[in-house]
Amino acid sequence: MCFRSAAVKAAQGANHIGDPKVKVLYFITEDWFFCSHFIERAIAARAAGNEVVVLTRVGESANIIEEVGIRVLPLAIQRRSFNPLREISVIYSVWKAYRREKPDLVHHVALKPILYGTLAARVSGVRAIVNAPVGMGFIFSSRTFLANLLRPIVKIALRSMLNPLGSKVVFENSDDINWAISADLVKRDSAILIRGAGVNLEQFSPIAKPDGIPLILARFVLVGGVDTGNPTSIPEEQLLTWGKQGLVDWWGHRKDMASVLGQADIACLPSYREGLPKSLLEAAACGLPIVTTNVPGCREVVVDGVQGFLVPARDSRALADALIKLIVDPELRLRMGAAARVRAEKEFGKDAVIDQTLELYRVIAP
């Protein structure tokens, strides 16, 4: 089959003549997440002469996917739904899509696509399966009653779904690999480490800050939309209230993150758990010092005291103290920001992620 390294796809894109074309189906719950984390890998697979389709809930990003020549298969799936009848209907729709499309390889992203997609692939005879938990989701990071109730059930389901013959499981950080193996969720020889989506090092790069005395000591900006599909998401009303109280400037969802980060001096992500946060990769590439939590995914980007600071999760005092250290010390910001850029260049470029992904496809769908 005809997968090519991203580094040479432009030169070899026409050299797949005579090889059978592979049909790759991505199953992912949100079209916007596909665009932010997987579209470049899908474009590279298509450029190598393969057919690529995406099964997803159609939102505002579907046209972006179709504009690059990737067909979108609409699916009425909701991440936060736990209605048994609704979920059975979704599983049936996934099975019909797999039977109709007859993919050679399927790439499932996040828990529901892994569970539903692997079941559909088994029934439909698809043997080349890539499952990507991408941070394990709120069920494994939340302390809510619902998460605690569902966690053992999901673990049982994952044990049966993550290890079919011919499949691989892609993790974004070493913590998740070690945890999944120790929990007997995945076999060691099935686990693959591909560190996130990578970052475009040309698009995201350091911008020189203006000289002179700042007009204010610090300004806190929160960037990101309301994730209604996540049961633990902060409601829009709360964000607006914080803005009115002067606690934070909420800029909402932004597509121009390189420009946004160019206006920042420090990046902060107080997360409970991540796969490999793209926001931190982009911040590091822009040469920003980082304050984040010492949890899986986040600590993959930052060495405490080198590219920034790691603080305990749910410890607001420690978070504030780390931010203050950087706010009052311009030289420390510059030193840590430079170290972050160096690490981004060495470890987190997007081309390496594309190459690793296409090589994985080639191995499991020879």
Protein backbone atom coordinates (compact mmCIF):
# COMPACT_ATOMS: atom_id res chain seq x y z
CA MET A 1 0.00 0.00 0.00
CA CYS A 2 1.01 3.57 -0.61
CA PHE A 3 1.69 5.61 2.51
CA ARG A 4 4.61 7.99 2.24
CA SER A 5 6.68 9.99 4.70
CA ALA A 6 5.39 13.55 5.05
CA ALA A 7 8.88 14.82 4.45
CA VAL A 8 8.98 13.36 0.94
CA LYS A 9 5.32 13.26 -0.05
CA ALA A 10 5.68 16.22 -2.43
CA ALA A 11 8.45 14.48 -4.35
CA GLN A 12 6.95 10.99 -4.26
CA GLY A 13 3.25 11.77 -4.39
CA ALA A 14 2.96 10.39 -7.92
CA ASN A 15 4.98 7.28 -7.24
CA HIS A 16 2.09 5.19 -5.91
CA ILE A 17 1.08 4.04 -9.42
CA GLY A 18 0.60 0.29 -9.43
CA ASP A 19 0.01 0.09 -5.66
CA PRO A 20 -3.53 -0.44 -4.41
CA LYS A 21 -5.11 2.68 -2.94
CA VAL A 22 -5.96 2.54 0.77
CA LYS A 23 -9.21 3.92 2.11
CA VAL A 24 -8.75 5.54 5.53
CA LEU A 25 -11.75 6.40 7.68
CA TYR A 26 -11.35 8.72 10.65
CA PHE A 27 -14.08 8.47 13.29
CA ILE A 28 -14.07 11.48 15.62
CA THR A 29 -16.91 13.09 17.53
CA GLU A 30 -16.32 16.74 16.60
CA ASP A 31 -15.37 18.18 13.20
CA TRP A 32 -13.58 21.12 14.84
CA PHE A 33 -11.30 18.76 16.78
CA PHE A 34 -10.43 16.92 13.59
CA CYS A 35 -9.46 20.25 12.02
CA SER A 36 -7.30 21.32 14.96
CA HIS A 37 -5.54 18.01 15.62
CA PHE A 38 -5.79 15.58 12.68
CA ILE A 39 -6.46 17.35 9.40
CA GLU A 40 -2.78 17.74 8.49
CA ARG A 41 -2.20 14.01 8.93
CA ALA A 42 -5.27 13.27 6.83
CA ILE A 43 -4.10 15.69 4.11
CA ALA A 44 -0.72 13.94 4.05
CA ALA A 45 -2.39 10.52 3.72
CA ARG A 46 -4.52 11.82 0.85
CA ALA A 47 -1.51 13.43 -0.83
CA ALA A 48 0.13 10.00 -0.82
CA GLY A 49 -2.64 8.76 -3.08
CA ASN A 50 -5.07 7.33 -0.55
CA GLU A 51 -8.76 8.03 -0.09
CA VAL A 52 -9.66 9.70 3.21
CA VAL A 53 -13.12 10.14 4.74
CA VAL A 54 -14.22 11.47 8.13
CA LEU A 55 -17.17 10.22 10.16
CA THR A 56 -18.12 12.99 12.58
CA ARG A 57 -20.77 15.28 13.97
CA VAL A 58 -21.13 18.07 11.45
CA GLY A 59 -20.65 21.58 12.80
CA GLU A 60 -19.05 24.77 11.54
CA SER A 61 -15.80 23.09 10.47
CA ALA A 62 -17.13 20.52 8.00
CA ASN A 63 -16.64 22.88 5.05
CA ILE A 64 -12.96 23.28 5.96
CA ILE A 65 -12.52 19.51 5.75
CA GLU A 66 -14.32 19.26 2.44
CA GLU A 67 -12.34 22.14 0.95
CA VAL A 68 -9.14 20.08 1.20
CA GLY A 69 -10.77 17.17 -0.64
CA ILE A 70 -11.77 15.00 2.32
CA ARG A 71 -15.33 13.70 2.30
CA VAL A 72 -17.37 14.17 5.48
CA LEU A 73 -19.86 11.52 6.66
CA PRO A 74 -22.38 13.18 9.02
CA LEU A 75 -23.14 11.37 12.28
CA ALA A 76 -25.65 12.42 14.95
CA ILE A 77 -23.38 11.76 17.93
CA GLN A 78 -23.24 13.69 21.20
CA ARG A 79 -20.27 13.39 23.52
CA ARG A 80 -22.23 14.04 26.69
CA SER A 81 -25.16 11.75 25.88
CA PHE A 82 -25.56 8.61 28.00
CA ASN A 83 -29.08 7.76 26.80
CA PRO A 84 -28.98 4.02 25.99
CA LEU A 85 -31.50 4.23 23.14
CA ARG A 86 -29.68 7.17 21.54
CA GLU A 87 -26.32 5.43 21.84
CA ILE A 88 -27.63 2.19 20.32
CA SER A 89 -28.88 4.24 17.39
CA VAL A 90 -25.44 5.83 17.00
CA ILE A 91 -23.71 2.44 17.07
CA TYR A 92 -26.08 1.21 14.37
CA SER A 93 -25.32 4.29 12.25
CA VAL A 94 -21.58 3.72 12.66
CA TRP A 95 -21.95 0.08 11.61
CA LYS A 96 -23.93 1.12 8.51
CA ALA A 97 -21.25 3.66 7.59
CA TYR A 98 -18.50 1.05 7.90
CA ARG A 99 -20.45 -1.48 5.84
CA ARG A 100 -21.16 1.13 3.16
CA GLU A 101 -17.69 2.70 2.99
CA LYS A 102 -15.64 -0.50 3.38
CA PRO A 103 -12.49 1.21 4.72
CA ASP A 104 -9.14 -0.56 4.74
CA LEU A 105 -8.02 1.27 7.87
CA VAL A 106 -9.96 3.09 10.59
CA HIS A 107 -8.59 5.69 13.01
CA HIS A 108 -10.77 6.20 16.09
CA VAL A 109 -10.22 9.30 18.22
CA ALA A 110 -11.49 9.48 21.86
CA LEU A 111 -13.56 7.06 23.94
CA LYS A 112 -16.89 6.81 22.14
CA PRO A 113 -15.34 6.39 18.69
CA ILE A 114 -12.97 3.77 20.13
CA LEU A 115 -15.78 1.76 21.68
CA TYR A 116 -18.37 2.13 18.91
CA GLY A 117 -15.90 2.16 16.03
CA THR A 118 -13.95 -0.91 17.11
CA LEU A 119 -17.20 -2.85 17.53
CA ALA A 120 -18.34 -1.78 14.06
CA ALA A 121 -14.92 -2.57 12.56
CA ARG A 122 -14.93 -6.07 14.02
CA VAL A 123 -18.41 -6.82 12.72
CA SER A 124 -17.59 -5.30 9.32
CA GLY A 125 -14.32 -7.15 8.89
CA VAL A 126 -11.97 -4.14 9.10
CA ARG A 127 -8.68 -5.46 10.47
CA ALA A 128 -6.44 -2.39 10.47
CA ILE A 129 -7.55 -0.34 13.49
CA VAL A 130 -5.87 2.64 15.15
CA ASN A 131 -7.39 3.70 18.47
CA ALA A 132 -6.35 7.04 19.99
CA PRO A 133 -7.63 7.81 23.52
CA VAL A 134 -6.20 11.42 23.41
CA GLY A 135 -6.10 12.09 27.14
CA MET A 136 -8.72 9.57 28.26
CA GLY A 137 -11.52 12.15 28.56
CA PHE A 138 -13.49 13.50 31.51
CA ILE A 139 -14.42 10.00 32.76
CA PHE A 140 -10.80 9.47 33.82
CA SER A 141 -10.02 13.03 34.95
CA SER A 142 -13.22 14.13 36.69
CA ARG A 143 -14.20 13.43 40.30
CA THR A 144 -17.93 13.79 39.67
CA PHE A 145 -20.41 11.09 40.65
CA LEU A 146 -21.14 10.33 36.99
CA ALA A 147 -17.46 9.90 36.12
CA ASN A 148 -16.87 7.64 39.14
CA LEU A 149 -19.90 5.56 38.17
CA LEU A 150 -18.90 5.14 34.53
CA ARG A 151 -15.15 4.62 35.01
CA PRO A 152 -15.19 0.88 35.90
CA ILE A 153 -17.73 0.16 33.15
CA VAL A 154 -15.61 1.95 30.55
CA LYS A 155 -12.48 0.13 31.73
CA ILE A 156 -14.16 -3.23 31.15
CA ALA A 157 -15.28 -2.14 27.69
CA LEU A 158 -11.83 -0.83 26.80
CA ARG A 159 -10.15 -4.10 27.77
CA SER A 160 -12.20 -5.87 25.14
CA MET A 161 -11.94 -3.16 22.47
CA LEU A 162 -8.33 -1.95 22.58
CA ASN A 163 -6.60 -5.19 21.68
CA PRO A 164 -8.14 -6.76 18.58
CA LEU A 165 -5.75 -8.49 16.19
CA GLY A 166 -4.15 -6.01 13.80
CA SER A 167 -4.82 -2.95 15.94
CA LYS A 168 -2.59 -0.37 17.59
CA VAL A 169 -3.34 2.11 20.36
CA VAL A 170 -1.80 5.57 20.03
CA PHE A 171 -1.10 7.49 23.23
CA GLU A 172 0.06 11.09 23.38
CA ASN A 173 2.18 10.85 26.54
CA SER A 174 4.19 8.22 28.41
CA ASP A 175 2.07 8.52 31.57
CA ASP A 176 -1.02 7.31 29.73
CA ILE A 177 0.87 4.40 28.14
CA ASN A 178 2.21 3.23 31.50
CA TRP A 179 -1.17 3.64 33.18
CA ALA A 180 -3.05 1.74 30.44
CA ILE A 181 -0.56 -1.15 30.51
CA SER A 182 -0.56 -1.39 34.32
CA ALA A 183 -4.39 -1.30 34.33
CA ASP A 184 -4.37 -4.17 31.84
CA LEU A 185 -6.25 -2.08 29.27
CA VAL A 186 -3.74 -2.52 26.48
CA LYS A 187 -0.94 -4.92 25.61
CA ARG A 188 2.54 -3.44 25.65
CA ASP A 189 3.25 -4.41 22.04
CA SER A 190 0.06 -2.67 20.91
CA ALA A 191 0.89 0.69 22.50
CA ILE A 192 2.43 3.45 20.35
CA LEU A 193 3.62 6.90 21.47
CA ILE A 194 2.92 9.76 19.05
CA ARG A 195 3.21 13.02 20.93
CA GLY A 196 0.10 14.98 20.13
CA ALA A 197 -0.67 16.86 16.95
CA GLY A 198 2.67 18.64 16.80
CA VAL A 199 3.05 22.33 16.06
CA ASN A 200 3.81 24.36 12.95
CA LEU A 201 7.13 25.92 13.95
CA GLU A 202 6.96 28.51 11.19
CA GLN A 203 3.43 29.69 11.96
CA PHE A 204 4.09 29.72 15.72
CA SER A 205 7.34 31.50 16.45
CA PRO A 206 8.64 34.10 18.93
CA ILE A 207 7.65 37.72 18.40
CA ALA A 208 9.82 40.52 19.78
CA LYS A 209 8.13 42.44 22.59
CA PRO A 210 8.03 46.26 22.50
CA ASP A 211 10.47 48.13 24.69
CA GLY A 212 9.36 50.52 27.37
CA ILE A 213 7.57 50.47 30.70
CA PRO A 214 4.31 48.45 30.69
CA LEU A 215 1.12 50.38 31.41
CA ILE A 216 -0.22 47.62 33.68
CA LEU A 217 1.53 44.99 35.78
CA ALA A 218 -0.53 42.03 34.55
CA ARG A 219 -3.57 41.23 32.45
CA PHE A 220 -5.26 37.85 32.53
CA VAL A 221 -6.85 36.66 29.30
CA LEU A 222 -8.87 33.45 28.93
CA VAL A 223 -9.01 32.10 25.37
CA GLY A 224 -11.31 29.26 24.36
CA GLY A 225 -14.93 28.53 23.56
CA VAL A 226 -17.55 26.89 25.74
CA ASP A 227 -17.34 23.12 25.31
CA THR A 228 -20.99 22.13 25.67
CA GLY A 229 -20.10 18.49 24.92
CA ASN A 230 -18.05 18.22 28.12
CA PRO A 231 -20.15 17.77 31.29
CA THR A 232 -17.48 19.58 33.35
CA SER A 233 -17.29 22.62 31.05
CA ILE A 234 -17.58 26.07 32.63
CA PRO A 235 -20.94 27.61 31.61
CA GLU A 236 -20.91 30.72 29.42
CA GLU A 237 -22.84 32.65 32.07
CA GLN A 238 -20.03 32.08 34.57
CA LEU A 239 -17.40 33.26 32.10
CA LEU A 240 -19.37 36.41 31.35
CA THR A 241 -19.78 37.07 35.08
CA TRP A 242 -16.03 36.79 35.65
CA GLY A 243 -15.51 39.26 32.84
CA LYS A 244 -17.95 41.77 34.34
CA GLN A 245 -16.22 41.43 37.70
CA GLY A 246 -12.89 42.28 36.08
CA LEU A 247 -11.32 38.95 37.05
CA VAL A 248 -10.38 37.95 33.53
CA ASP A 249 -10.81 39.04 29.91
CA TRP A 250 -12.63 36.25 28.08
CA TRP A 251 -11.83 36.35 24.37
CA GLY A 252 -13.80 33.22 23.48
CA HIS A 253 -12.81 30.87 20.67
CA ARG A 254 -10.05 32.25 18.48
CA LYS A 255 -8.71 30.87 15.21
CA ASP A 256 -5.72 33.23 15.13
CA MET A 257 -3.82 31.67 18.02
CA ALA A 258 -0.42 32.69 16.66
CA SER A 259 -1.55 36.32 16.90
CA VAL A 260 -3.09 35.78 20.34
CA LEU A 261 0.08 34.20 21.72
CA GLY A 262 2.12 36.99 20.18
CA GLN A 263 0.36 39.37 22.57
CA ALA A 264 1.12 37.22 25.63
CA ASP A 265 4.09 37.07 27.99
CA ILE A 266 3.14 33.89 29.87
CA ALA A 267 1.02 30.85 28.96
CA CYS A 268 -1.00 29.12 31.67
CA LEU A 269 -2.97 25.87 31.49
CA PRO A 270 -4.31 24.66 34.88
CA SER A 271 -5.60 21.33 33.57
CA TYR A 272 -6.56 18.14 35.43
CA ARG A 273 -5.36 15.81 32.66
CA GLU A 274 -4.39 16.07 28.99
CA GLY A 275 -3.21 13.95 26.11
CA LEU A 276 -0.61 16.42 24.88
CA PRO A 277 -2.11 19.92 24.97
CA LYS A 278 -1.75 21.68 21.65
CA SER A 279 -2.15 25.03 23.37
CA LEU A 280 1.09 24.43 25.28
CA LEU A 281 2.93 23.23 22.17
CA GLU A 282 1.93 26.43 20.39
CA ALA A 283 2.91 28.56 23.39
CA ALA A 284 6.29 26.85 23.61
CA ALA A 285 6.89 27.36 19.90
CA CYS A 286 6.13 31.06 20.40
CA GLY A 287 8.82 31.23 23.07
CA LEU A 288 6.52 31.75 26.04
CA PRO A 289 7.29 30.53 29.55
CA ILE A 290 4.59 28.16 30.77
CA VAL A 291 2.78 27.59 34.04
CA THR A 292 0.81 24.37 34.05
CA THR A 293 -0.18 21.49 36.29
CA ASN A 294 1.91 18.44 37.12
CA VAL A 295 -0.47 16.01 35.42
CA PRO A 296 -0.22 13.60 32.47
CA GLY A 297 0.23 15.45 29.21
CA CYS A 298 1.16 18.82 30.66
CA ARG A 299 4.37 17.59 32.27
CA GLU A 300 5.34 16.12 28.90
CA VAL A 301 5.87 19.68 27.64
CA VAL A 302 7.43 21.39 30.65
CA VAL A 303 10.39 20.44 32.82
CA ASP A 304 9.77 22.22 36.10
CA GLY A 305 12.08 25.20 36.42
CA VAL A 306 13.31 24.99 32.82
CA GLN A 307 10.53 25.89 30.35
CA GLY A 308 8.29 27.13 33.16
CA PHE A 309 6.71 25.81 36.32
CA LEU A 310 4.68 22.72 37.18
CA VAL A 311 2.23 23.08 40.07
CA PRO A 312 -0.09 20.58 41.76
CA ALA A 313 -3.53 20.23 40.17
CA ARG A 314 -6.35 22.01 42.01
CA ASP A 315 -3.86 24.15 43.98
CA SER A 316 -4.80 27.73 43.13
CA ARG A 317 -2.29 29.21 45.58
CA ALA A 318 0.64 27.39 43.99
CA LEU A 319 -0.63 28.41 40.56
CA ALA A 320 -0.77 32.07 41.58
CA ASP A 321 2.68 31.94 43.17
CA ALA A 322 4.23 30.50 39.99
CA LEU A 323 2.58 33.16 37.84
CA ILE A 324 3.79 35.92 40.16
CA LYS A 325 7.38 34.65 39.89
CA LEU A 326 7.24 35.12 36.13
CA ILE A 327 5.26 38.37 36.19
CA VAL A 328 7.84 40.18 38.33
CA ASP A 329 10.97 38.75 36.67
CA PRO A 330 11.40 39.67 32.96
CA GLU A 331 14.77 37.90 32.69
CA LEU A 332 13.28 34.65 34.01
CA ARG A 333 10.46 34.91 31.47
CA LEU A 334 12.93 35.35 28.64
CA ARG A 335 15.16 32.49 29.78
CA MET A 336 12.30 30.02 30.24
CA GLY A 337 10.63 31.14 27.02
CA ALA A 338 13.81 30.55 25.05
CA ALA A 339 14.11 27.07 26.57
CA ALA A 340 10.51 26.35 25.60
CA ARG A 341 11.18 27.28 21.98
CA VAL A 342 14.29 25.09 21.86
CA ARG A 343 12.35 22.10 23.16
CA ALA A 344 9.51 22.71 20.71
CA GLU A 345 11.99 22.71 17.82
CA LYS A 346 13.65 19.49 19.00
CA GLU A 347 10.61 17.44 20.01
CA PHE A 348 7.26 18.83 18.91
CA GLY A 349 7.38 19.76 15.22
CA LYS A 350 4.32 18.64 13.25
CA ASP A 351 6.29 16.90 10.49
CA ALA A 352 7.52 14.24 12.91
CA VAL A 353 3.96 13.53 14.01
CA ILE A 354 2.78 13.21 10.41
CA ASP A 355 5.66 10.88 9.56
CA GLN A 356 5.03 8.67 12.59
CA THR A 357 1.32 8.43 11.84
CA LEU A 358 1.74 7.50 8.18
CA GLU A 359 4.43 4.97 9.06
CA LEU A 360 2.00 3.39 11.54
CA TYR A 361 -0.65 3.19 8.83
CA ARG A 362 1.83 1.53 6.49
CA VAL A 363 2.78 -1.07 9.10
CA ILE A 364 -0.72 -2.16 10.07
CA ALA A 365 -2.15 -1.98 6.54
CA PRO A 366 0.73 -3.43 4.48
